[in-house]
Amino acid sequence: QVQLVESGGGLVQAGGSLRLSCAASGRTFSNYNMGWFRQAPGKERQFVAAISWSGGNTYYAGSLKGRFTISRDNAKNTVYLQMNSLNVEDTAVYYCNAVYSGVDYWGKGTLVTVSS
């Protein structure tokens, strides 16, 4: 089992920045790939970014590359999502995801609200 807890969401003005964190526990953190997804009101959950177990490979949704940066600290069992130049379309609940032994694990999400 893997437990994931997100934090760092909140209200920010358009153009601002936020850094989300996801603390993992339950398994050896460096053994699994991590990612971020988001779900806006009335929309399906969508992929945001992912990072390999070593941190050596990162992947982004095309529209977000350049504004969002995913990183991880295996010593702290934490993955981060740095979000810059936020706009109102980034308003969503952001979920942390871990893939371990072919199983997806999810956190409960953290709400990011961007005001105009």
C-alpha atoms as a PDB file:
ATOM      1  CA  GLN A   1       0.000   0.000   0.000  1.00  0.00           C
ATOM      2  CA  VAL A   2       1.038   3.546  -0.739  1.00  0.00           C
ATOM      3  CA  GLN A   3      -0.425   6.560   1.033  1.00  0.00           C
ATOM      4  CA  LEU A   4      -0.270   9.981  -0.562  1.00  0.00           C
ATOM      5  CA  VAL A   5      -1.058  13.333   1.035  1.00  0.00           C
ATOM      6  CA  GLU A   6      -1.084  16.531  -1.008  1.00  0.00           C
ATOM      7  CA  SER A   7      -0.608  20.025   0.338  1.00  0.00           C
ATOM      8  CA  GLY A   8       0.121  23.528  -0.867  1.00  0.00           C
ATOM      9  CA  GLY A   9      -3.101  24.383  -2.647  1.00  0.00           C
ATOM     10  CA  GLY A  10      -4.950  27.613  -2.086  1.00  0.00           C
ATOM     11  CA  LEU A  11      -6.152  30.840  -3.633  1.00  0.00           C
ATOM     12  CA  VAL A  12      -3.775  32.759  -5.876  1.00  0.00           C
ATOM     13  CA  GLN A  13      -4.177  35.620  -8.302  1.00  0.00           C
ATOM     14  CA  ALA A  14      -3.659  35.128 -12.001  1.00  0.00           C
ATOM     15  CA  GLY A  15       0.013  35.391 -12.835  1.00  0.00           C
ATOM     16  CA  GLY A  16       1.045  34.056  -9.460  1.00  0.00           C
ATOM     17  CA  SER A  17       2.790  30.865  -8.412  1.00  0.00           C
ATOM     18  CA  LEU A  18       2.188  27.931  -6.106  1.00  0.00           C
ATOM     19  CA  ARG A  19       4.175  24.881  -5.151  1.00  0.00           C
ATOM     20  CA  LEU A  20       2.304  21.711  -4.382  1.00  0.00           C
ATOM     21  CA  SER A  21       3.781  18.914  -2.336  1.00  0.00           C
ATOM     22  CA  CYS A  22       2.861  15.258  -2.073  1.00  0.00           C
ATOM     23  CA  ALA A  23       4.178  13.224   0.824  1.00  0.00           C
ATOM     24  CA  ALA A  24       4.274   9.485   0.284  1.00  0.00           C
ATOM     25  CA  SER A  25       4.461   6.649   2.754  1.00  0.00           C
ATOM     26  CA  GLY A  26       3.962   2.928   2.890  1.00  0.00           C
ATOM     27  CA  ARG A  27       6.551   1.719   0.422  1.00  0.00           C
ATOM     28  CA  THR A  28      10.068   2.580  -0.630  1.00  0.00           C
ATOM     29  CA  PHE A  29       9.473   5.910  -2.329  1.00  0.00           C
ATOM     30  CA  SER A  30      12.359   5.636  -4.748  1.00  0.00           C
ATOM     31  CA  ASN A  31      10.839   2.490  -6.237  1.00  0.00           C
ATOM     32  CA  TYR A  32       7.901   4.075  -7.950  1.00  0.00           C
ATOM     33  CA  ASN A  33       7.048   6.677 -10.529  1.00  0.00           C
ATOM     34  CA  MET A  34       5.004   9.684  -9.464  1.00  0.00           C
ATOM     35  CA  GLY A  35       2.685  12.095 -11.165  1.00  0.00           C
ATOM     36  CA  TRP A  36       0.216  14.917 -10.857  1.00  0.00           C
ATOM     37  CA  PHE A  37      -3.253  15.076 -12.327  1.00  0.00           C
ATOM     38  CA  ARG A  38      -5.963  17.682 -12.032  1.00  0.00           C
ATOM     39  CA  GLN A  39      -9.705  17.859 -12.299  1.00  0.00           C
ATOM     40  CA  ALA A  40     -11.519  21.091 -12.982  1.00  0.00           C
ATOM     41  CA  PRO A  41     -15.196  21.517 -12.084  1.00  0.00           C
ATOM     42  CA  GLY A  42     -17.373  19.601 -14.507  1.00  0.00           C
ATOM     43  CA  LYS A  43     -14.424  18.147 -16.371  1.00  0.00           C
ATOM     44  CA  GLU A  44     -12.572  14.865 -16.456  1.00  0.00           C
ATOM     45  CA  ARG A  45      -9.351  14.296 -14.620  1.00  0.00           C
ATOM     46  CA  GLN A  46      -6.386  15.132 -16.818  1.00  0.00           C
ATOM     47  CA  PHE A  47      -2.694  14.409 -16.762  1.00  0.00           C
ATOM     48  CA  VAL A  48      -0.412  17.231 -15.643  1.00  0.00           C
ATOM     49  CA  ALA A  49       3.094  15.858 -15.163  1.00  0.00           C
ATOM     50  CA  ALA A  50       5.025  12.736 -14.199  1.00  0.00           C
ATOM     51  CA  ILE A  51       8.483  11.891 -12.973  1.00  0.00           C
ATOM     52  CA  SER A  52      10.407   8.635 -13.002  1.00  0.00           C
ATOM     53  CA  TRP A  53      11.544   6.892  -9.853  1.00  0.00           C
ATOM     54  CA  SER A  54      15.036   8.357 -10.117  1.00  0.00           C
ATOM     55  CA  GLY A  55      13.881  11.812 -11.143  1.00  0.00           C
ATOM     56  CA  GLY A  56      15.849  11.485 -14.336  1.00  0.00           C
ATOM     57  CA  ASN A  57      12.845  11.600 -16.627  1.00  0.00           C
ATOM     58  CA  THR A  58       9.965  14.034 -16.556  1.00  0.00           C
ATOM     59  CA  TYR A  59       6.858  14.304 -18.680  1.00  0.00           C
ATOM     60  CA  TYR A  60       4.334  17.096 -19.067  1.00  0.00           C
ATOM     61  CA  ALA A  61       1.024  17.792 -20.664  1.00  0.00           C
ATOM     62  CA  GLY A  62       1.928  19.777 -23.746  1.00  0.00           C
ATOM     63  CA  SER A  63       0.011  22.861 -22.799  1.00  0.00           C
ATOM     64  CA  LEU A  64       1.657  23.073 -19.382  1.00  0.00           C
ATOM     65  CA  LYS A  65       5.268  22.531 -20.259  1.00  0.00           C
ATOM     66  CA  GLY A  66       7.261  25.625 -19.485  1.00  0.00           C
ATOM     67  CA  ARG A  67       4.974  26.814 -16.711  1.00  0.00           C
ATOM     68  CA  PHE A  68       4.896  23.723 -14.472  1.00  0.00           C
ATOM     69  CA  THR A  69       7.864  21.798 -13.120  1.00  0.00           C
ATOM     70  CA  ILE A  70       7.725  18.435 -11.380  1.00  0.00           C
ATOM     71  CA  SER A  71      10.501  17.298  -9.091  1.00  0.00           C
ATOM     72  CA  ARG A  72      11.068  14.841  -6.283  1.00  0.00           C
ATOM     73  CA  ASP A  73      13.187  14.425  -3.200  1.00  0.00           C
ATOM     74  CA  ASN A  74      13.572  10.737  -2.473  1.00  0.00           C
ATOM     75  CA  ALA A  75      15.209  11.473   0.858  1.00  0.00           C
ATOM     76  CA  LYS A  76      12.014  13.250   1.946  1.00  0.00           C
ATOM     77  CA  ASN A  77       9.588  10.879   0.187  1.00  0.00           C
ATOM     78  CA  THR A  78       8.049  13.911  -1.476  1.00  0.00           C
ATOM     79  CA  VAL A  79       7.183  14.987  -4.987  1.00  0.00           C
ATOM     80  CA  TYR A  80       6.593  18.620  -5.891  1.00  0.00           C
ATOM     81  CA  LEU A  81       4.790  20.560  -8.558  1.00  0.00           C
ATOM     82  CA  GLN A  82       5.960  24.115  -9.086  1.00  0.00           C
ATOM     83  CA  MET A  83       3.307  26.100 -10.937  1.00  0.00           C
ATOM     84  CA  ASN A  84       4.111  29.510 -12.401  1.00  0.00           C
ATOM     85  CA  SER A  85       2.166  32.063 -14.413  1.00  0.00           C
ATOM     86  CA  LEU A  86      -1.082  30.594 -13.218  1.00  0.00           C
ATOM     87  CA  ASN A  87      -4.304  31.485 -14.982  1.00  0.00           C
ATOM     88  CA  VAL A  88      -7.960  30.891 -14.189  1.00  0.00           C
ATOM     89  CA  GLU A  89      -7.984  27.773 -16.388  1.00  0.00           C
ATOM     90  CA  ASP A  90      -5.569  26.166 -13.930  1.00  0.00           C
ATOM     91  CA  THR A  91      -8.262  26.162 -11.255  1.00  0.00           C
ATOM     92  CA  ALA A  92      -8.793  22.536 -10.259  1.00  0.00           C
ATOM     93  CA  VAL A  93      -8.282  19.906  -7.633  1.00  0.00           C
ATOM     94  CA  TYR A  94      -4.761  18.577  -8.040  1.00  0.00           C
ATOM     95  CA  TYR A  95      -4.130  14.921  -7.288  1.00  0.00           C
ATOM     96  CA  CYS A  96      -0.908  13.109  -6.614  1.00  0.00           C
ATOM     97  CA  ASN A  97      -0.479   9.725  -8.251  1.00  0.00           C
ATOM     98  CA  ALA A  98       1.910   6.846  -7.659  1.00  0.00           C
ATOM     99  CA  VAL A  99       2.329   3.741  -9.747  1.00  0.00           C
ATOM    100  CA  TYR A 100       3.704   0.787  -7.827  1.00  0.00           C
ATOM    101  CA  SER A 101       3.732  -2.790  -9.062  1.00  0.00           C
ATOM    102  CA  GLY A 102       1.237  -1.884 -11.727  1.00  0.00           C
ATOM    103  CA  VAL A 103      -1.235  -0.384  -9.266  1.00  0.00           C
ATOM    104  CA  ASP A 104      -2.317   3.258  -9.236  1.00  0.00           C
ATOM    105  CA  TYR A 105      -2.532   5.064  -5.921  1.00  0.00           C
ATOM    106  CA  TRP A 106      -4.134   8.457  -5.408  1.00  0.00           C
ATOM    107  CA  GLY A 107      -4.166  11.162  -2.813  1.00  0.00           C
ATOM    108  CA  LYS A 108      -7.325  13.010  -1.826  1.00  0.00           C
ATOM    109  CA  GLY A 109      -6.303  16.119  -3.717  1.00  0.00           C
ATOM    110  CA  THR A 110      -5.603  19.747  -2.967  1.00  0.00           C
ATOM    111  CA  LEU A 111      -7.660  22.610  -4.366  1.00  0.00           C
ATOM    112  CA  VAL A 112      -6.011  25.341  -6.402  1.00  0.00           C
ATOM    113  CA  THR A 113      -8.129  28.373  -7.174  1.00  0.00           C
ATOM    114  CA  VAL A 114      -6.816  31.083  -9.472  1.00  0.00           C
ATOM    115  CA  SER A 115      -8.658  34.385  -9.407  1.00  0.00           C
ATOM    116  CA  SER A 116      -8.661  36.919 -12.224  1.00  0.00           C
END
